[in-house]
Amino acid sequence: MSAPRRRADPRRTAPVFAALGDETRLGLVQRLSGAGPLSIARLTEGTDVTRQAVTKHLHILEAAGLVHGARAGRERVWELAPEPLAAARSYLDQIAAQWDEALGRLRAFVED
């Protein structure tokens, strides 16, 4: 018999989902995930988003715990923090398991 799963805390994951609900922020997370730590200049390359807008979005992501920035000379380099994404995924996995259980009960009811 396996140990009971620890329930995810929606107060911990809600800010992550709110931050990822914006197309620009989701794109920044994707770029940081694939390319590693990047400066704002690098994050704006090839986009129509201004450095000021990227900075604003990065601060929102930082408040949600998804990224953190550090000074590297005259620039600030931003890096993805994977832990909040893992917690959000765990929360979605928990919801998916609940749906699977509910559908299983419905199937058993219909088949009986």
C-alpha atoms as a PDB file:
ATOM      1  CA  MET A   1       0.000   0.000   0.000  1.00  0.00           C
ATOM      2  CA  SER A   2       1.456   3.354  -1.020  1.00  0.00           C
ATOM      3  CA  ALA A   3       1.657   6.409   1.192  1.00  0.00           C
ATOM      4  CA  PRO A   4      -1.141   8.942   0.761  1.00  0.00           C
ATOM      5  CA  ARG A   5      -0.286  11.782  -1.612  1.00  0.00           C
ATOM      6  CA  ARG A   6       0.265  15.151  -0.041  1.00  0.00           C
ATOM      7  CA  ARG A   7      -2.380  17.539  -1.296  1.00  0.00           C
ATOM      8  CA  ALA A   8      -1.073  20.541  -3.209  1.00  0.00           C
ATOM      9  CA  ASP A   9      -1.790  23.914  -1.649  1.00  0.00           C
ATOM     10  CA  PRO A  10      -3.745  26.173  -4.034  1.00  0.00           C
ATOM     11  CA  ARG A  11      -2.469  29.255  -2.161  1.00  0.00           C
ATOM     12  CA  ARG A  12       1.030  28.249  -3.240  1.00  0.00           C
ATOM     13  CA  THR A  13       0.208  27.423  -6.852  1.00  0.00           C
ATOM     14  CA  ALA A  14      -2.385  30.106  -7.687  1.00  0.00           C
ATOM     15  CA  PRO A  15       0.237  32.881  -8.122  1.00  0.00           C
ATOM     16  CA  VAL A  16       2.141  30.617 -10.526  1.00  0.00           C
ATOM     17  CA  PHE A  17      -0.943  30.017 -12.676  1.00  0.00           C
ATOM     18  CA  ALA A  18      -1.813  33.738 -12.569  1.00  0.00           C
ATOM     19  CA  ALA A  19       1.693  34.693 -13.710  1.00  0.00           C
ATOM     20  CA  LEU A  20       1.670  32.111 -16.498  1.00  0.00           C
ATOM     21  CA  GLY A  21      -1.741  33.310 -17.703  1.00  0.00           C
ATOM     22  CA  ASP A  22      -0.104  35.998 -19.836  1.00  0.00           C
ATOM     23  CA  GLU A  23       1.251  35.095 -23.278  1.00  0.00           C
ATOM     24  CA  THR A  24       4.361  37.273 -22.901  1.00  0.00           C
ATOM     25  CA  ARG A  25       5.251  35.858 -19.489  1.00  0.00           C
ATOM     26  CA  LEU A  26       4.658  32.317 -20.680  1.00  0.00           C
ATOM     27  CA  GLY A  27       7.013  33.005 -23.582  1.00  0.00           C
ATOM     28  CA  LEU A  28       9.669  34.374 -21.215  1.00  0.00           C
ATOM     29  CA  VAL A  29       9.454  31.226 -19.095  1.00  0.00           C
ATOM     30  CA  GLN A  30       9.774  29.120 -22.236  1.00  0.00           C
ATOM     31  CA  ARG A  31      12.862  31.037 -23.388  1.00  0.00           C
ATOM     32  CA  LEU A  32      14.502  30.837 -19.968  1.00  0.00           C
ATOM     33  CA  SER A  33      13.703  27.144 -19.772  1.00  0.00           C
ATOM     34  CA  GLY A  34      15.355  26.412 -23.099  1.00  0.00           C
ATOM     35  CA  ALA A  35      18.262  28.843 -23.117  1.00  0.00           C
ATOM     36  CA  GLY A  36      19.195  29.146 -19.462  1.00  0.00           C
ATOM     37  CA  PRO A  37      19.975  32.464 -17.739  1.00  0.00           C
ATOM     38  CA  LEU A  38      19.500  35.460 -20.046  1.00  0.00           C
ATOM     39  CA  SER A  39      19.769  39.231 -19.861  1.00  0.00           C
ATOM     40  CA  ILE A  40      16.837  41.474 -20.711  1.00  0.00           C
ATOM     41  CA  ALA A  41      18.594  42.393 -23.948  1.00  0.00           C
ATOM     42  CA  ARG A  42      18.737  38.715 -24.931  1.00  0.00           C
ATOM     43  CA  LEU A  43      15.139  38.139 -23.824  1.00  0.00           C
ATOM     44  CA  THR A  44      13.891  40.942 -26.092  1.00  0.00           C
ATOM     45  CA  GLU A  45      15.847  39.807 -29.173  1.00  0.00           C
ATOM     46  CA  GLY A  46      13.543  38.809 -31.995  1.00  0.00           C
ATOM     47  CA  THR A  47      10.397  40.097 -30.290  1.00  0.00           C
ATOM     48  CA  ASP A  48       8.241  43.195 -30.533  1.00  0.00           C
ATOM     49  CA  VAL A  49       8.301  43.581 -26.745  1.00  0.00           C
ATOM     50  CA  THR A  50      10.258  46.492 -25.269  1.00  0.00           C
ATOM     51  CA  ARG A  51      12.898  46.049 -22.587  1.00  0.00           C
ATOM     52  CA  GLN A  52      10.687  48.020 -20.207  1.00  0.00           C
ATOM     53  CA  ALA A  53       7.768  45.646 -20.820  1.00  0.00           C
ATOM     54  CA  VAL A  54       9.989  42.577 -20.416  1.00  0.00           C
ATOM     55  CA  THR A  55      11.295  43.989 -17.135  1.00  0.00           C
ATOM     56  CA  LYS A  56       7.739  44.492 -15.890  1.00  0.00           C
ATOM     57  CA  HIS A  57       6.807  40.919 -16.818  1.00  0.00           C
ATOM     58  CA  LEU A  58       9.960  39.528 -15.198  1.00  0.00           C
ATOM     59  CA  HIS A  59       9.089  41.276 -11.931  1.00  0.00           C
ATOM     60  CA  ILE A  60       5.648  39.648 -11.996  1.00  0.00           C
ATOM     61  CA  LEU A  61       7.263  36.258 -12.621  1.00  0.00           C
ATOM     62  CA  GLU A  62       9.718  36.970  -9.808  1.00  0.00           C
ATOM     63  CA  ALA A  63       6.873  37.787  -7.397  1.00  0.00           C
ATOM     64  CA  ALA A  64       5.357  34.392  -8.227  1.00  0.00           C
ATOM     65  CA  GLY A  65       8.727  32.745  -7.519  1.00  0.00           C
ATOM     66  CA  LEU A  66       9.208  31.593 -11.114  1.00  0.00           C
ATOM     67  CA  VAL A  67      12.392  33.532 -11.896  1.00  0.00           C
ATOM     68  CA  HIS A  68      15.157  35.311 -10.076  1.00  0.00           C
ATOM     69  CA  GLY A  69      17.587  37.900 -11.296  1.00  0.00           C
ATOM     70  CA  ALA A  70      21.190  38.585 -10.387  1.00  0.00           C
ATOM     71  CA  ARG A  71      23.598  41.333 -11.354  1.00  0.00           C
ATOM     72  CA  ALA A  72      26.285  40.380 -13.833  1.00  0.00           C
ATOM     73  CA  GLY A  73      28.339  43.491 -14.420  1.00  0.00           C
ATOM     74  CA  ARG A  74      26.077  46.219 -15.766  1.00  0.00           C
ATOM     75  CA  GLU A  75      23.322  43.778 -16.699  1.00  0.00           C
ATOM     76  CA  ARG A  76      20.813  41.798 -14.727  1.00  0.00           C
ATOM     77  CA  VAL A  77      20.615  38.142 -15.744  1.00  0.00           C
ATOM     78  CA  TRP A  78      17.375  36.249 -15.208  1.00  0.00           C
ATOM     79  CA  GLU A  79      17.080  32.549 -14.480  1.00  0.00           C
ATOM     80  CA  LEU A  80      14.140  30.182 -14.223  1.00  0.00           C
ATOM     81  CA  ALA A  81      13.303  28.741 -10.792  1.00  0.00           C
ATOM     82  CA  PRO A  82      11.882  25.272 -11.554  1.00  0.00           C
ATOM     83  CA  GLU A  83      10.419  24.478  -8.108  1.00  0.00           C
ATOM     84  CA  PRO A  84       7.189  26.510  -8.489  1.00  0.00           C
ATOM     85  CA  LEU A  85       6.593  24.924 -11.903  1.00  0.00           C
ATOM     86  CA  ALA A  86       6.996  21.479 -10.370  1.00  0.00           C
ATOM     87  CA  ALA A  87       4.483  22.379  -7.642  1.00  0.00           C
ATOM     88  CA  ALA A  88       2.004  23.628 -10.265  1.00  0.00           C
ATOM     89  CA  ARG A  89       2.444  20.445 -12.272  1.00  0.00           C
ATOM     90  CA  SER A  90       1.855  18.374  -9.150  1.00  0.00           C
ATOM     91  CA  TYR A  91      -1.340  20.323  -8.539  1.00  0.00           C
ATOM     92  CA  LEU A  92      -2.531  19.639 -12.103  1.00  0.00           C
ATOM     93  CA  ASP A  93      -1.615  15.959 -11.708  1.00  0.00           C
ATOM     94  CA  GLN A  94      -3.727  15.856  -8.548  1.00  0.00           C
ATOM     95  CA  ILE A  95      -6.715  17.362 -10.366  1.00  0.00           C
ATOM     96  CA  ALA A  96      -6.250  14.927 -13.266  1.00  0.00           C
ATOM     97  CA  ALA A  97      -6.239  11.992 -10.835  1.00  0.00           C
ATOM     98  CA  GLN A  98      -9.477  13.241  -9.271  1.00  0.00           C
ATOM     99  CA  TRP A  99     -11.094  13.447 -12.706  1.00  0.00           C
ATOM    100  CA  ASP A 100      -9.878   9.941 -13.566  1.00  0.00           C
ATOM    101  CA  GLU A 101     -11.414   8.619 -10.347  1.00  0.00           C
ATOM    102  CA  ALA A 102     -14.702  10.424 -11.024  1.00  0.00           C
ATOM    103  CA  LEU A 103     -14.845   9.089 -14.578  1.00  0.00           C
ATOM    104  CA  GLY A 104     -14.105   5.594 -13.290  1.00  0.00           C
ATOM    105  CA  ARG A 105     -17.004   5.826 -10.851  1.00  0.00           C
ATOM    106  CA  LEU A 106     -19.275   7.108 -13.623  1.00  0.00           C
ATOM    107  CA  ARG A 107     -18.234   4.263 -15.931  1.00  0.00           C
ATOM    108  CA  ALA A 108     -18.904   1.686 -13.170  1.00  0.00           C
ATOM    109  CA  PHE A 109     -22.316   3.241 -12.493  1.00  0.00           C
ATOM    110  CA  VAL A 110     -23.289   3.255 -16.190  1.00  0.00           C
ATOM    111  CA  GLU A 111     -22.063  -0.289 -16.762  1.00  0.00           C
ATOM    112  CA  ASP A 112     -23.998  -1.660 -13.771  1.00  0.00           C
END
